[in-house]
Amino acid sequence: MCSHCDKKLCKTRKFGIGGESVFPILSDLQKVELDEPYYWVNVDGERVKLDDIDCLLEQRLFRRSVAKQIDKKPPRITVKEFEKYTDMLLTGVEIIKAPKGSSLIDQLQDHLEEYCTNQTAVHTTKEDIIRGNVWTNAGRHHFIFTRFFHGYLQRKKWPEKPQVTQQMLKEYCHCEDERMLIGKKRPTVMMVDAFERPEDNYKPKELKPPDPY
């Protein structure tokens, strides 16, 4: 019946719905696949954004999202009725892939490469690792995680906690860690295959030679 119902027209009919509050027609659910996905759904033909899965599955949050965005407050229905609507939407959900580079994993990989290529130098020694530098030896970058996290990632407003970040480096960035003797200390050092250093394409500006006259 939903596909044949014209509620605006129905209200004008003798036995139409009149002033009775009717739950809106929901359709075209889209899921945007970020690390924390959000959703779009049509509510009586108007587009509404749902910030997370809870706003879709919890009737109280759903009604609040709709009222806030399109100034319509769907009536309360039973939990069982509301679940029928959400089940119907999820059956036909359209997945929207996130832009490349927008996920936290992509961002972490970019941060790691930038840190390793910027913090290393030709004359960096193994002892410089303690001071937060990156030592490159035998085709691998060596660095201390806490220096990377507190001295670099936090300045980039990285949202994850240290333990989670360290696990992400191992799982997605192919990093390994082991204790390494540096002077009299034996810190835990992370290692990753060396990245190619970006080419320095800077060309100094040529000054016009002075006019001898």
Protein backbone atom coordinates (compact mmCIF):
# COMPACT_ATOMS: atom_id res chain seq x y z
CA MET A 1 0.00 0.00 0.00
CA CYS A 2 2.89 2.37 0.74
CA SER A 3 3.84 2.53 -2.93
CA HIS A 4 0.29 3.62 -3.86
CA CYS A 5 -0.39 5.97 -0.95
CA ASP A 6 -0.48 9.72 -1.58
CA LYS A 7 -0.84 11.10 1.94
CA LYS A 8 -1.33 14.73 0.88
CA LEU A 9 -4.18 13.71 -1.41
CA CYS A 10 -5.55 11.29 1.17
CA LYS A 11 -6.03 14.09 3.71
CA THR A 12 -8.42 15.86 1.32
CA ARG A 13 -10.68 12.83 0.91
CA LYS A 14 -13.87 12.21 2.88
CA PHE A 15 -12.47 9.16 4.63
CA GLY A 16 -8.85 10.23 4.44
CA ILE A 17 -6.42 10.17 7.31
CA GLY A 18 -7.33 13.73 8.30
CA GLY A 19 -5.34 14.94 11.28
CA GLU A 20 -4.28 11.45 12.33
CA SER A 21 -0.52 11.13 12.72
CA VAL A 22 0.85 8.48 10.36
CA PHE A 23 4.36 7.05 10.43
CA PRO A 24 6.33 8.41 7.45
CA ILE A 25 7.34 6.41 4.41
CA LEU A 26 11.01 5.40 4.67
CA SER A 27 13.12 4.48 1.63
CA ASP A 28 16.52 4.57 -0.06
CA LEU A 29 18.83 3.84 2.86
CA GLN A 30 22.49 4.57 2.10
CA LYS A 31 25.47 3.67 4.29
CA VAL A 32 28.66 5.72 3.91
CA GLU A 33 31.50 3.37 4.83
CA LEU A 34 33.84 5.37 7.04
CA ASP A 35 35.54 4.06 10.19
CA GLU A 36 32.39 5.27 11.94
CA PRO A 37 29.69 4.85 9.23
CA TYR A 38 26.79 7.26 8.87
CA TYR A 39 23.55 6.86 6.94
CA TRP A 40 21.14 8.72 4.67
CA VAL A 41 17.47 7.83 4.42
CA ASN A 42 14.41 9.28 2.69
CA VAL A 43 11.64 10.24 5.13
CA ASP A 44 8.49 11.05 3.15
CA GLY A 45 10.80 11.95 0.26
CA GLU A 46 13.06 14.26 2.29
CA ARG A 47 16.70 13.34 2.87
CA VAL A 48 17.76 12.80 6.50
CA LYS A 49 21.26 12.05 7.79
CA LEU A 50 21.66 9.51 10.60
CA ASP A 51 24.97 9.98 12.39
CA ASP A 52 25.43 6.32 13.35
CA ILE A 53 23.72 2.93 13.45
CA ASP A 54 22.04 3.77 16.79
CA CYS A 55 20.15 6.62 15.12
CA LEU A 56 18.73 4.06 12.71
CA LEU A 57 17.93 1.25 15.16
CA GLU A 58 16.72 3.23 18.18
CA GLN A 59 13.32 4.84 17.62
CA ARG A 60 13.96 7.66 20.10
CA LEU A 61 17.16 8.74 18.32
CA PHE A 62 15.59 8.28 14.90
CA ARG A 63 12.62 10.53 15.75
CA ARG A 64 14.99 13.16 17.14
CA SER A 65 17.16 13.13 13.98
CA VAL A 66 14.11 13.51 11.73
CA ALA A 67 12.57 16.31 13.80
CA LYS A 68 15.86 18.20 13.96
CA GLN A 69 16.49 18.12 10.22
CA ILE A 70 13.10 18.31 8.48
CA ASP A 71 10.83 19.62 11.29
CA LYS A 72 8.62 16.54 11.31
CA LYS A 73 8.17 14.30 14.32
CA PRO A 74 7.20 10.73 13.43
CA PRO A 75 4.65 9.23 15.83
CA ARG A 76 5.71 6.60 18.32
CA ILE A 77 5.00 3.05 17.22
CA THR A 78 5.67 -0.28 18.89
CA VAL A 79 9.19 -1.67 18.96
CA LYS A 80 8.07 -4.55 16.75
CA GLU A 81 6.58 -2.19 14.15
CA PHE A 82 9.68 0.00 14.12
CA GLU A 83 11.92 -3.04 13.64
CA LYS A 84 9.89 -3.97 10.55
CA TYR A 85 10.79 -0.60 9.04
CA THR A 86 14.49 -0.89 9.85
CA ASP A 87 14.65 -4.50 8.65
CA MET A 88 13.08 -3.42 5.35
CA LEU A 89 15.59 -0.57 4.96
CA LEU A 90 18.63 -2.72 5.81
CA THR A 91 17.56 -5.37 3.29
CA GLY A 92 18.01 -2.88 0.46
CA VAL A 93 20.80 -0.72 1.88
CA GLU A 94 23.15 0.87 -0.67
CA ILE A 95 26.83 0.91 0.33
CA ILE A 96 28.73 4.11 -0.49
CA LYS A 97 32.48 3.62 -0.44
CA ALA A 98 34.46 6.25 1.44
CA PRO A 99 36.96 8.37 -0.54
CA LYS A 100 40.42 6.83 -0.74
CA GLY A 101 42.68 8.07 2.02
CA SER A 102 39.85 8.97 4.39
CA SER A 103 40.05 5.91 6.66
CA LEU A 104 42.14 5.92 9.83
CA ILE A 105 44.32 3.14 8.43
CA ASP A 106 45.10 5.18 5.31
CA GLN A 107 45.85 8.23 7.46
CA LEU A 108 48.14 6.24 9.77
CA GLN A 109 50.09 4.85 6.82
CA ASP A 110 50.54 8.38 5.45
CA HIS A 111 51.65 9.69 8.86
CA LEU A 112 54.14 6.84 9.27
CA GLU A 113 55.70 7.41 5.84
CA GLU A 114 55.95 11.17 6.40
CA TYR A 115 57.51 10.68 9.84
CA CYS A 116 60.04 8.14 8.65
CA THR A 117 61.13 10.13 5.60
CA ASN A 118 61.27 13.49 7.41
CA GLN A 119 62.92 12.34 10.64
CA THR A 120 65.73 10.39 9.04
CA ALA A 121 68.94 11.79 7.61
CA VAL A 122 72.11 10.53 6.00
CA HIS A 123 74.13 11.05 9.16
CA THR A 124 71.52 9.77 11.66
CA THR A 125 73.03 7.12 13.93
CA LYS A 126 71.56 4.32 15.96
CA GLU A 127 72.03 6.42 19.12
CA ASP A 128 69.83 9.18 17.63
CA ILE A 129 66.77 6.92 17.90
CA ILE A 130 66.56 7.81 21.61
CA ARG A 131 66.20 11.49 20.70
CA GLY A 132 63.22 10.82 18.41
CA ASN A 133 65.03 10.46 15.11
CA VAL A 134 64.54 7.63 12.64
CA TRP A 135 67.57 5.46 11.93
CA THR A 136 67.54 3.80 8.52
CA ASN A 137 69.75 0.75 8.20
CA ALA A 138 69.76 -2.31 5.92
CA GLY A 139 66.61 -1.15 4.14
CA ARG A 140 64.56 -0.63 7.31
CA HIS A 141 63.45 2.37 9.37
CA HIS A 142 63.95 2.11 13.14
CA PHE A 143 62.09 4.37 15.58
CA ILE A 144 60.66 4.45 19.09
CA PHE A 145 56.88 4.28 19.14
CA THR A 146 56.34 6.71 22.03
CA ARG A 147 58.38 9.35 20.19
CA PHE A 148 56.30 8.81 17.07
CA PHE A 149 53.02 8.89 18.97
CA HIS A 150 53.56 11.75 21.43
CA GLY A 151 55.95 13.81 19.36
CA TYR A 152 54.23 13.50 15.99
CA LEU A 153 50.77 11.88 15.89
CA GLN A 154 49.31 13.91 18.74
CA ARG A 155 50.33 17.13 16.99
CA LYS A 156 48.31 15.85 14.02
CA LYS A 157 45.28 15.43 16.35
CA TRP A 158 45.36 11.65 16.01
CA PRO A 159 42.19 10.28 17.70
CA GLU A 160 43.22 6.76 18.77
CA LYS A 161 44.90 5.70 22.02
CA PRO A 162 48.54 4.49 22.10
CA GLN A 163 47.74 0.79 22.54
CA VAL A 164 45.27 0.78 19.65
CA THR A 165 47.66 2.73 17.43
CA GLN A 166 50.56 0.39 18.14
CA GLN A 167 48.41 -2.61 17.22
CA MET A 168 47.29 -0.85 14.01
CA LEU A 169 50.94 -0.29 13.05
CA LYS A 170 51.66 -4.00 13.44
CA GLU A 171 48.47 -5.21 11.77
CA TYR A 172 48.10 -2.80 8.86
CA CYS A 173 51.48 -1.10 8.38
CA HIS A 174 53.66 -4.23 8.66
CA CYS A 175 55.67 -2.86 11.59
CA GLU A 176 57.58 -5.12 13.98
CA ASP A 177 59.09 -4.36 17.36
CA GLU A 178 61.93 -5.75 19.42
CA ARG A 179 64.24 -4.63 22.17
CA MET A 180 67.47 -3.12 20.89
CA LEU A 181 70.65 -2.27 22.78
CA ILE A 182 71.42 1.43 22.32
CA GLY A 183 74.33 2.55 24.46
CA LYS A 184 73.46 1.43 27.97
CA LYS A 185 69.71 1.35 27.30
CA ARG A 186 67.57 -1.37 25.80
CA PRO A 187 64.36 0.29 24.50
CA THR A 188 61.67 -1.33 22.40
CA VAL A 189 62.20 -0.18 18.81
CA MET A 190 59.71 -0.45 15.97
CA MET A 191 60.91 -1.35 12.48
CA VAL A 192 59.33 -1.05 9.04
CA ASP A 193 60.62 -1.49 5.50
CA ALA A 194 62.16 1.77 4.32
CA PHE A 195 60.06 4.15 2.25
CA GLU A 196 61.47 5.91 -0.79
CA ARG A 197 62.51 9.42 0.13
CA PRO A 198 60.66 12.10 -1.85
CA GLU A 199 62.78 13.82 -4.45
CA ASP A 200 63.89 17.33 -3.68
CA ASN A 201 62.74 19.28 -6.71
CA TYR A 202 63.57 22.67 -5.23
CA LYS A 203 65.52 24.90 -7.59
CA PRO A 204 67.14 28.02 -6.14
CA LYS A 205 66.01 31.21 -7.77
CA GLU A 206 68.57 32.58 -10.18
CA LEU A 207 69.50 36.13 -9.35
CA LYS A 208 69.97 38.59 -12.15
CA PRO A 209 73.67 39.46 -12.41
CA PRO A 210 74.41 43.07 -11.46
CA ASP A 211 74.66 45.55 -14.34
CA PRO A 212 78.33 46.60 -14.53
CA TYR A 213 77.21 49.99 -15.78
